[in-house]
PDB file of N, CA and C in Angstrom:
ATOM      1  N   MET A   1       1.533  -1.028  27.790  1.00  0.00           N
ATOM      2  CA  MET A   1       0.972  -2.348  28.039  1.00  0.00           C
ATOM      3  C   MET A   1      -0.500  -2.359  27.655  1.00  0.00           C
ATOM      4  N   ASP A   2      -0.940  -3.409  26.979  1.00  0.00           N
ATOM      5  CA  ASP A   2      -2.344  -3.546  26.609  1.00  0.00           C
ATOM      6  C   ASP A   2      -3.166  -3.876  27.838  1.00  0.00           C
ATOM      7  N   HIS A   3      -4.381  -3.399  27.833  1.00  0.00           N
ATOM      8  CA  HIS A   3      -5.290  -3.718  28.921  1.00  0.00           C
ATOM      9  C   HIS A   3      -5.835  -5.129  28.732  1.00  0.00           C
ATOM     10  N   GLU A   4      -6.074  -5.792  29.815  1.00  0.00           N
ATOM     11  CA  GLU A   4      -6.582  -7.159  29.799  1.00  0.00           C
ATOM     12  C   GLU A   4      -8.052  -7.163  30.210  1.00  0.00           C
ATOM     13  N   PRO A   5      -8.820  -8.144  29.736  1.00  0.00           N
ATOM     14  CA  PRO A   5     -10.211  -8.253  30.169  1.00  0.00           C
ATOM     15  C   PRO A   5     -10.288  -8.628  31.647  1.00  0.00           C
ATOM     16  N   GLU A   6     -11.196  -8.003  32.324  1.00  0.00           N
ATOM     17  CA  GLU A   6     -11.471  -8.338  33.715  1.00  0.00           C
ATOM     18  C   GLU A   6     -12.712  -9.220  33.789  1.00  0.00           C
ATOM     19  N   ARG A   7     -13.678  -8.940  32.902  1.00  0.00           N
ATOM     20  CA  ARG A   7     -14.920  -9.707  32.854  1.00  0.00           C
ATOM     21  C   ARG A   7     -15.397  -9.758  31.400  1.00  0.00           C
ATOM     22  N   ILE A   8     -15.826 -10.936  30.974  1.00  0.00           N
ATOM     23  CA  ILE A   8     -16.320 -11.135  29.610  1.00  0.00           C
ATOM     24  C   ILE A   8     -17.711 -11.750  29.692  1.00  0.00           C
ATOM     25  N   SER A   9     -18.661 -11.136  29.013  1.00  0.00           N
ATOM     26  CA  SER A   9     -20.030 -11.644  28.978  1.00  0.00           C
ATOM     27  C   SER A   9     -20.455 -11.789  27.521  1.00  0.00           C
ATOM     28  N   VAL A  10     -20.893 -12.991  27.146  1.00  0.00           N
ATOM     29  CA  VAL A  10     -21.262 -13.265  25.761  1.00  0.00           C
ATOM     30  C   VAL A  10     -22.716 -13.708  25.707  1.00  0.00           C
ATOM     31  N   ASP A  11     -23.468 -13.126  24.770  1.00  0.00           N
ATOM     32  CA  ASP A  11     -24.811 -13.636  24.479  1.00  0.00           C
ATOM     33  C   ASP A  11     -24.917 -13.799  22.963  1.00  0.00           C
ATOM     34  N   ALA A  12     -26.070 -14.158  22.466  1.00  0.00           N
ATOM     35  CA  ALA A  12     -26.225 -14.443  21.041  1.00  0.00           C
ATOM     36  C   ALA A  12     -26.010 -13.227  20.154  1.00  0.00           C
ATOM     37  N   GLU A  13     -26.158 -12.034  20.716  1.00  0.00           N
ATOM     38  CA  GLU A  13     -26.076 -10.808  19.919  1.00  0.00           C
ATOM     39  C   GLU A  13     -24.743 -10.080  20.005  1.00  0.00           C
ATOM     40  N   SER A  14     -24.008 -10.249  21.115  1.00  0.00           N
ATOM     41  CA  SER A  14     -22.807  -9.434  21.313  1.00  0.00           C
ATOM     42  C   SER A  14     -21.907  -9.995  22.402  1.00  0.00           C
ATOM     43  N   VAL A  15     -20.725  -9.408  22.506  1.00  0.00           N
ATOM     44  CA  VAL A  15     -19.807  -9.699  23.607  1.00  0.00           C
ATOM     45  C   VAL A  15     -19.550  -8.376  24.326  1.00  0.00           C
ATOM     46  N   THR A  16     -19.663  -8.409  25.654  1.00  0.00           N
ATOM     47  CA  THR A  16     -19.395  -7.232  26.480  1.00  0.00           C
ATOM     48  C   THR A  16     -18.164  -7.540  27.315  1.00  0.00           C
ATOM     49  N   ILE A  17     -17.189  -6.639  27.281  1.00  0.00           N
ATOM     50  CA  ILE A  17     -15.943  -6.841  28.023  1.00  0.00           C
ATOM     51  C   ILE A  17     -15.699  -5.643  28.924  1.00  0.00           C
ATOM     52  N   THR A  18     -15.447  -5.926  30.191  1.00  0.00           N
ATOM     53  CA  THR A  18     -14.976  -4.904  31.113  1.00  0.00           C
ATOM     54  C   THR A  18     -13.480  -5.111  31.244  1.00  0.00           C
ATOM     55  N   TRP A  19     -12.724  -4.053  30.954  1.00  0.00           N
ATOM     56  CA  TRP A  19     -11.271  -4.118  30.918  1.00  0.00           C
ATOM     57  C   TRP A  19     -10.689  -3.688  32.264  1.00  0.00           C
ATOM     58  N   THR A  20      -9.434  -4.045  32.486  1.00  0.00           N
ATOM     59  CA  THR A  20      -8.781  -3.728  33.756  1.00  0.00           C
ATOM     60  C   THR A  20      -8.645  -2.229  33.992  1.00  0.00           C
ATOM     61  N   ASP A  21      -8.785  -1.411  32.944  1.00  0.00           N
ATOM     62  CA  ASP A  21      -8.737   0.042  33.125  1.00  0.00           C
ATOM     63  C   ASP A  21     -10.109   0.630  33.434  1.00  0.00           C
ATOM     64  N   GLY A  22     -11.119  -0.253  33.609  1.00  0.00           N
ATOM     65  CA  GLY A  22     -12.458   0.186  33.964  1.00  0.00           C
ATOM     66  C   GLY A  22     -13.382   0.465  32.798  1.00  0.00           C
ATOM     67  N   VAL A  23     -12.854   0.480  31.583  1.00  0.00           N
ATOM     68  CA  VAL A  23     -13.672   0.716  30.395  1.00  0.00           C
ATOM     69  C   VAL A  23     -14.478  -0.536  30.078  1.00  0.00           C
ATOM     70  N   SER A  24     -15.736  -0.347  29.699  1.00  0.00           N
ATOM     71  CA  SER A  24     -16.594  -1.449  29.282  1.00  0.00           C
ATOM     72  C   SER A  24     -16.918  -1.267  27.804  1.00  0.00           C
ATOM     73  N   THR A  25     -16.718  -2.319  27.008  1.00  0.00           N
ATOM     74  CA  THR A  25     -16.970  -2.238  25.570  1.00  0.00           C
ATOM     75  C   THR A  25     -17.948  -3.332  25.146  1.00  0.00           C
ATOM     76  N   VAL A  26     -18.671  -3.055  24.060  1.00  0.00           N
ATOM     77  CA  VAL A  26     -19.609  -4.017  23.490  1.00  0.00           C
ATOM     78  C   VAL A  26     -19.307  -4.138  22.004  1.00  0.00           C
ATOM     79  N   VAL A  27     -19.206  -5.381  21.524  1.00  0.00           N
ATOM     80  CA  VAL A  27     -18.999  -5.633  20.098  1.00  0.00           C
ATOM     81  C   VAL A  27     -20.128  -6.548  19.637  1.00  0.00           C
ATOM     82  N   SER A  28     -20.830  -6.143  18.596  1.00  0.00           N
ATOM     83  CA  SER A  28     -21.949  -6.944  18.091  1.00  0.00           C
ATOM     84  C   SER A  28     -21.438  -8.193  17.382  1.00  0.00           C
ATOM     85  N   GLY A  29     -22.286  -9.212  17.348  1.00  0.00           N
ATOM     86  CA  GLY A  29     -21.951 -10.432  16.621  1.00  0.00           C
ATOM     87  C   GLY A  29     -21.727 -10.160  15.151  1.00  0.00           C
ATOM     88  N   ASP A  30     -22.492  -9.220  14.593  1.00  0.00           N
ATOM     89  CA  ASP A  30     -22.330  -8.866  13.188  1.00  0.00           C
ATOM     90  C   ASP A  30     -20.945  -8.273  12.933  1.00  0.00           C
ATOM     91  N   ARG A  31     -20.504  -7.391  13.807  1.00  0.00           N
ATOM     92  CA  ARG A  31     -19.175  -6.778  13.654  1.00  0.00           C
ATOM     93  C   ARG A  31     -18.077  -7.830  13.819  1.00  0.00           C
ATOM     94  N   LEU A  32     -18.250  -8.725  14.792  1.00  0.00           N
ATOM     95  CA  LEU A  32     -17.269  -9.796  14.986  1.00  0.00           C
ATOM     96  C   LEU A  32     -17.165 -10.668  13.735  1.00  0.00           C
ATOM     97  N   ARG A  33     -18.326 -11.098  13.228  1.00  0.00           N
ATOM     98  CA  ARG A  33     -18.331 -12.019  12.086  1.00  0.00           C
ATOM     99  C   ARG A  33     -17.761 -11.358  10.848  1.00  0.00           C
ATOM    100  N   SER A  34     -18.114 -10.098  10.605  1.00  0.00           N
ATOM    101  CA  SER A  34     -17.622  -9.419   9.408  1.00  0.00           C
ATOM    102  C   SER A  34     -16.138  -9.056   9.521  1.00  0.00           C
ATOM    103  N   SER A  35     -15.590  -9.088  10.720  1.00  0.00           N
ATOM    104  CA  SER A  35     -14.169  -8.771  10.941  1.00  0.00           C
ATOM    105  C   SER A  35     -13.346 -10.014  11.247  1.00  0.00           C
ATOM    106  N   CYS A  36     -13.865 -11.179  10.929  1.00  0.00           N
ATOM    107  CA  CYS A  36     -13.173 -12.424  11.259  1.00  0.00           C
ATOM    108  C   CYS A  36     -11.741 -12.407  10.727  1.00  0.00           C
ATOM    109  N   PRO A  37     -10.777 -12.670  11.615  1.00  0.00           N
ATOM    110  CA  PRO A  37      -9.371 -12.606  11.207  1.00  0.00           C
ATOM    111  C   PRO A  37      -8.809 -13.896  10.608  1.00  0.00           C
ATOM    112  N   CYS A  38      -9.629 -14.909  10.396  1.00  0.00           N
ATOM    113  CA  CYS A  38      -9.082 -16.175   9.884  1.00  0.00           C
ATOM    114  C   CYS A  38      -8.638 -16.032   8.423  1.00  0.00           C
ATOM    115  N   ALA A  39      -7.779 -16.925   7.999  1.00  0.00           N
ATOM    116  CA  ALA A  39      -7.219 -16.874   6.642  1.00  0.00           C
ATOM    117  C   ALA A  39      -8.309 -16.983   5.580  1.00  0.00           C
ATOM    118  N   GLU A  40      -9.287 -17.846   5.791  1.00  0.00           N
ATOM    119  CA  GLU A  40     -10.354 -18.029   4.808  1.00  0.00           C
ATOM    120  C   GLU A  40     -11.125 -16.730   4.597  1.00  0.00           C
ATOM    121  N   CYS A  41     -11.504 -16.083   5.669  1.00  0.00           N
ATOM    122  CA  CYS A  41     -12.273 -14.836   5.555  1.00  0.00           C
ATOM    123  C   CYS A  41     -11.423 -13.701   4.996  1.00  0.00           C
ATOM    124  N   ARG A  42     -10.166 -13.660   5.354  1.00  0.00           N
ATOM    125  CA  ARG A  42      -9.288 -12.589   4.864  1.00  0.00           C
ATOM    126  C   ARG A  42      -8.988 -12.746   3.389  1.00  0.00           C
ATOM    127  N   GLU A  43      -9.038 -13.961   2.862  1.00  0.00           N
ATOM    128  CA  GLU A  43      -8.770 -14.202   1.441  1.00  0.00           C
ATOM    129  C   GLU A  43      -9.917 -13.736   0.562  1.00  0.00           C
ATOM    130  N   HIS A  44     -11.139 -13.932   1.038  1.00  0.00           N
ATOM    131  CA  HIS A  44     -12.314 -13.598   0.234  1.00  0.00           C
ATOM    132  C   HIS A  44     -12.584 -12.108   0.278  1.00  0.00           C
ATOM    133  N   GLU A  45     -13.014 -11.587  -0.850  1.00  0.00           N
ATOM    134  CA  GLU A  45     -13.382 -10.178  -0.895  1.00  0.00           C
ATOM    135  C   GLU A  45     -14.666  -9.987  -0.116  1.00  0.00           C
ATOM    136  N   SER A  46     -14.788  -8.865   0.551  1.00  0.00           N
ATOM    137  CA  SER A  46     -15.977  -8.605   1.360  1.00  0.00           C
ATOM    138  C   SER A  46     -17.238  -8.620   0.507  1.00  0.00           C
ATOM    139  N   GLN A  47     -17.128  -8.252  -0.735  1.00  0.00           N
ATOM    140  CA  GLN A  47     -18.296  -8.248  -1.616  1.00  0.00           C
ATOM    141  C   GLN A  47     -18.834  -9.665  -1.797  1.00  0.00           C
ATOM    142  N   VAL A  48     -17.951 -10.641  -1.935  1.00  0.00           N
ATOM    143  CA  VAL A  48     -18.373 -12.031  -2.103  1.00  0.00           C
ATOM    144  C   VAL A  48     -19.034 -12.530  -0.821  1.00  0.00           C
ATOM    145  N   ARG A  49     -18.453 -12.208   0.346  1.00  0.00           N
ATOM    146  CA  ARG A  49     -19.029 -12.638   1.613  1.00  0.00           C
ATOM    147  C   ARG A  49     -20.412 -12.047   1.822  1.00  0.00           C
ATOM    148  N   ALA A  50     -20.630 -10.815   1.354  1.00  0.00           N
ATOM    149  CA  ALA A  50     -21.934 -10.164   1.535  1.00  0.00           C
ATOM    150  C   ALA A  50     -23.014 -10.864   0.726  1.00  0.00           C
ATOM    151  N   ILE A  51     -22.648 -11.451  -0.392  1.00  0.00           N
ATOM    152  CA  ILE A  51     -23.620 -12.154  -1.234  1.00  0.00           C
ATOM    153  C   ILE A  51     -24.085 -13.437  -0.555  1.00  0.00           C
ATOM    154  N   ILE A  52     -23.199 -14.127   0.130  1.00  0.00           N
ATOM    155  CA  ILE A  52     -23.507 -15.408   0.751  1.00  0.00           C
ATOM    156  C   ILE A  52     -23.920 -15.168   2.203  1.00  0.00           C
ATOM    157  N   GLN A  53     -25.088 -14.597   2.395  1.00  0.00           N
ATOM    158  CA  GLN A  53     -25.589 -14.319   3.736  1.00  0.00           C
ATOM    159  C   GLN A  53     -26.528 -15.444   4.174  1.00  0.00           C
ATOM    160  N   ILE A  54     -26.352 -15.885   5.379  1.00  0.00           N
ATOM    161  CA  ILE A  54     -27.253 -16.858   5.983  1.00  0.00           C
ATOM    162  C   ILE A  54     -27.951 -16.126   7.112  1.00  0.00           C
ATOM    163  N   GLY A  55     -29.231 -16.410   7.308  1.00  0.00           N
ATOM    164  CA  GLY A  55     -30.037 -15.672   8.269  1.00  0.00           C
ATOM    165  C   GLY A  55     -29.399 -15.420   9.617  1.00  0.00           C
ATOM    166  N   ASN A  56     -28.844 -16.438  10.252  1.00  0.00           N
ATOM    167  CA  ASN A  56     -28.288 -16.275  11.591  1.00  0.00           C
ATOM    168  C   ASN A  56     -26.763 -16.251  11.564  1.00  0.00           C
ATOM    169  N   ARG A  57     -26.208 -15.834  10.489  1.00  0.00           N
ATOM    170  CA  ARG A  57     -24.762 -15.846  10.251  1.00  0.00           C
ATOM    171  C   ARG A  57     -23.972 -15.182  11.369  1.00  0.00           C
ATOM    172  N   SER A  58     -24.478 -14.074  11.908  1.00  0.00           N
ATOM    173  CA  SER A  58     -23.699 -13.320  12.873  1.00  0.00           C
ATOM    174  C   SER A  58     -24.097 -13.559  14.322  1.00  0.00           C
ATOM    175  N   SER A  59     -25.044 -14.473  14.551  1.00  0.00           N
ATOM    176  CA  SER A  59     -25.362 -14.774  15.950  1.00  0.00           C
ATOM    177  C   SER A  59     -24.206 -15.563  16.561  1.00  0.00           C
ATOM    178  N   ILE A  60     -23.975 -15.341  17.839  1.00  0.00           N
ATOM    179  CA  ILE A  60     -22.879 -16.024  18.530  1.00  0.00           C
ATOM    180  C   ILE A  60     -23.440 -17.275  19.192  1.00  0.00           C
ATOM    181  N   ALA A  61     -23.004 -18.443  18.716  1.00  0.00           N
ATOM    182  CA  ALA A  61     -23.500 -19.711  19.236  1.00  0.00           C
ATOM    183  C   ALA A  61     -22.663 -20.223  20.399  1.00  0.00           C
ATOM    184  N   ASP A  62     -21.373 -19.851  20.426  1.00  0.00           N
ATOM    185  CA  ASP A  62     -20.474 -20.332  21.473  1.00  0.00           C
ATOM    186  C   ASP A  62     -19.243 -19.433  21.515  1.00  0.00           C
ATOM    187  N   ALA A  63     -18.557 -19.437  22.649  1.00  0.00           N
ATOM    188  CA  ALA A  63     -17.307 -18.691  22.791  1.00  0.00           C
ATOM    189  C   ALA A  63     -16.386 -19.479  23.709  1.00  0.00           C
ATOM    190  N   GLN A  64     -15.108 -19.540  23.342  1.00  0.00           N
ATOM    191  CA  GLN A  64     -14.111 -20.257  24.134  1.00  0.00           C
ATOM    192  C   GLN A  64     -12.920 -19.347  24.372  1.00  0.00           C
ATOM    193  N   LEU A  65     -12.440 -19.325  25.600  1.00  0.00           N
ATOM    194  CA  LEU A  65     -11.200 -18.613  25.887  1.00  0.00           C
ATOM    195  C   LEU A  65     -10.049 -19.442  25.336  1.00  0.00           C
ATOM    196  N   ILE A  66      -9.111 -18.788  24.679  1.00  0.00           N
ATOM    197  CA  ILE A  66      -7.944 -19.457  24.120  1.00  0.00           C
ATOM    198  C   ILE A  66      -6.728 -18.905  24.858  1.00  0.00           C
ATOM    199  N   GLY A  67      -6.130 -19.767  25.676  1.00  0.00           N
ATOM    200  CA  GLY A  67      -4.998 -19.312  26.477  1.00  0.00           C
ATOM    201  C   GLY A  67      -5.403 -18.097  27.285  1.00  0.00           C
ATOM    202  N   GLY A  68      -4.530 -17.170  27.457  1.00  0.00           N
ATOM    203  CA  GLY A  68      -4.851 -15.943  28.163  1.00  0.00           C
ATOM    204  C   GLY A  68      -4.850 -14.750  27.237  1.00  0.00           C
ATOM    205  N   TYR A  69      -5.027 -15.000  25.916  1.00  0.00           N
ATOM    206  CA  TYR A  69      -4.848 -13.908  24.970  1.00  0.00           C
ATOM    207  C   TYR A  69      -5.955 -13.713  23.948  1.00  0.00           C
ATOM    208  N   ALA A  70      -6.901 -14.659  23.816  1.00  0.00           N
ATOM    209  CA  ALA A  70      -7.877 -14.550  22.728  1.00  0.00           C
ATOM    210  C   ALA A  70      -9.172 -15.283  23.062  1.00  0.00           C
ATOM    211  N   ILE A  71     -10.174 -15.047  22.208  1.00  0.00           N
ATOM    212  CA  ILE A  71     -11.452 -15.751  22.277  1.00  0.00           C
ATOM    213  C   ILE A  71     -11.754 -16.305  20.895  1.00  0.00           C
ATOM    214  N   ARG A  72     -12.262 -17.531  20.851  1.00  0.00           N
ATOM    215  CA  ARG A  72     -12.733 -18.135  19.598  1.00  0.00           C
ATOM    216  C   ARG A  72     -14.254 -18.165  19.674  1.00  0.00           C
ATOM    217  N   PHE A  73     -14.902 -17.533  18.694  1.00  0.00           N
ATOM    218  CA  PHE A  73     -16.357 -17.523  18.627  1.00  0.00           C
ATOM    219  C   PHE A  73     -16.829 -18.533  17.599  1.00  0.00           C
ATOM    220  N   THR A  74     -17.931 -19.198  17.884  1.00  0.00           N
ATOM    221  CA  THR A  74     -18.624 -20.010  16.894  1.00  0.00           C
ATOM    222  C   THR A  74     -19.886 -19.237  16.547  1.00  0.00           C
ATOM    223  N   PHE A  75     -20.082 -18.989  15.263  1.00  0.00           N
ATOM    224  CA  PHE A  75     -21.207 -18.193  14.808  1.00  0.00           C
ATOM    225  C   PHE A  75     -22.354 -19.077  14.326  1.00  0.00           C
ATOM    226  N   GLY A  76     -23.485 -18.463  14.103  1.00  0.00           N
ATOM    227  CA  GLY A  76     -24.690 -19.184  13.701  1.00  0.00           C
ATOM    228  C   GLY A  76     -24.547 -19.957  12.406  1.00  0.00           C
ATOM    229  N   ASP A  77     -23.595 -19.564  11.556  1.00  0.00           N
ATOM    230  CA  ASP A  77     -23.373 -20.296  10.307  1.00  0.00           C
ATOM    231  C   ASP A  77     -22.361 -21.430  10.475  1.00  0.00           C
ATOM    232  N   GLY A  78     -21.923 -21.671  11.742  1.00  0.00           N
ATOM    233  CA  GLY A  78     -20.988 -22.756  12.021  1.00  0.00           C
ATOM    234  C   GLY A  78     -19.523 -22.349  11.937  1.00  0.00           C
ATOM    235  N   HIS A  79     -19.250 -21.152  11.474  1.00  0.00           N
ATOM    236  CA  HIS A  79     -17.865 -20.697  11.328  1.00  0.00           C
ATOM    237  C   HIS A  79     -17.224 -20.500  12.698  1.00  0.00           C
ATOM    238  N   ALA A  80     -16.021 -21.062  12.884  1.00  0.00           N
ATOM    239  CA  ALA A  80     -15.335 -20.971  14.179  1.00  0.00           C
ATOM    240  C   ALA A  80     -13.815 -20.967  14.015  1.00  0.00           C
ATOM    241  N   ASP A  81     -13.322 -20.437  12.898  1.00  0.00           N
ATOM    242  CA  ASP A  81     -11.891 -20.510  12.617  1.00  0.00           C
ATOM    243  C   ASP A  81     -11.087 -19.320  13.120  1.00  0.00           C
ATOM    244  N   GLY A  82     -11.742 -18.206  13.398  1.00  0.00           N
ATOM    245  CA  GLY A  82     -11.011 -17.007  13.777  1.00  0.00           C
ATOM    246  C   GLY A  82     -10.705 -16.930  15.265  1.00  0.00           C
ATOM    247  N   LEU A  83      -9.489 -16.535  15.585  1.00  0.00           N
ATOM    248  CA  LEU A  83      -9.110 -16.236  16.961  1.00  0.00           C
ATOM    249  C   LEU A  83      -9.069 -14.725  17.098  1.00  0.00           C
ATOM    250  N   TYR A  84      -9.737 -14.208  18.103  1.00  0.00           N
ATOM    251  CA  TYR A  84      -9.825 -12.772  18.326  1.00  0.00           C
ATOM    252  C   TYR A  84      -8.988 -12.413  19.546  1.00  0.00           C
ATOM    253  N   PRO A  85      -7.747 -11.954  19.340  1.00  0.00           N
ATOM    254  CA  PRO A  85      -6.924 -11.524  20.466  1.00  0.00           C
ATOM    255  C   PRO A  85      -7.598 -10.355  21.182  1.00  0.00           C
ATOM    256  N   HIS A  86      -7.277 -10.208  22.461  1.00  0.00           N
ATOM    257  CA  HIS A  86      -7.905  -9.153  23.259  1.00  0.00           C
ATOM    258  C   HIS A  86      -7.757  -7.782  22.628  1.00  0.00           C
ATOM    259  N   GLY A  87      -6.604  -7.477  22.078  1.00  0.00           N
ATOM    260  CA  GLY A  87      -6.377  -6.172  21.460  1.00  0.00           C
ATOM    261  C   GLY A  87      -7.303  -5.911  20.296  1.00  0.00           C
ATOM    262  N   ILE A  88      -7.566  -6.933  19.489  1.00  0.00           N
ATOM    263  CA  ILE A  88      -8.494  -6.807  18.355  1.00  0.00           C
ATOM    264  C   ILE A  88      -9.908  -6.533  18.875  1.00  0.00           C
ATOM    265  N   LEU A  89     -10.308  -7.238  19.921  1.00  0.00           N
ATOM    266  CA  LEU A  89     -11.645  -7.022  20.481  1.00  0.00           C
ATOM    267  C   LEU A  89     -11.803  -5.593  20.984  1.00  0.00           C
ATOM    268  N   ARG A  90     -10.769  -5.067  21.577  1.00  0.00           N
ATOM    269  CA  ARG A  90     -10.818  -3.678  22.050  1.00  0.00           C
ATOM    270  C   ARG A  90     -10.936  -2.716  20.872  1.00  0.00           C
ATOM    271  N   GLN A  91     -10.180  -2.967  19.807  1.00  0.00           N
ATOM    272  CA  GLN A  91     -10.236  -2.113  18.630  1.00  0.00           C
ATOM    273  C   GLN A  91     -11.593  -2.171  17.929  1.00  0.00           C
ATOM    274  N   LEU A  92     -12.188  -3.346  17.854  1.00  0.00           N
ATOM    275  CA  LEU A  92     -13.476  -3.501  17.188  1.00  0.00           C
ATOM    276  C   LEU A  92     -14.584  -2.723  17.891  1.00  0.00           C
ATOM    277  N   ALA A  93     -14.425  -2.469  19.171  1.00  0.00           N
ATOM    278  CA  ALA A  93     -15.436  -1.741  19.933  1.00  0.00           C
ATOM    279  C   ALA A  93     -15.300  -0.234  19.767  1.00  0.00           C
ATOM    280  N   GLU A  94     -14.193   0.230  19.242  1.00  0.00           N
ATOM    281  CA  GLU A  94     -13.962   1.676  19.123  1.00  0.00           C
ATOM    282  C   GLU A  94     -14.592   2.251  17.888  1.00  0.00           C
TER     283      GLU A  94
END
């Protein structure tokens, strides 16, 4: 069984999650943005995305819980299409 978040704290730089197994993880906004799972980001080659950098691209402007399984982040560049399931968030912190 996957571990579930017990507490989620989001600021402009990162998301910190304390899991039900007691582990606490931190994922930076930059790592979240560069790992966006949405179709648009997955289609583009990472090299192309690296060229189109906006200053605050990876800052976290907002976060919404989606059901009981994911978080949707809005980033400084306005991008908000990716849903980050809890399991992905745990993997990104490793």
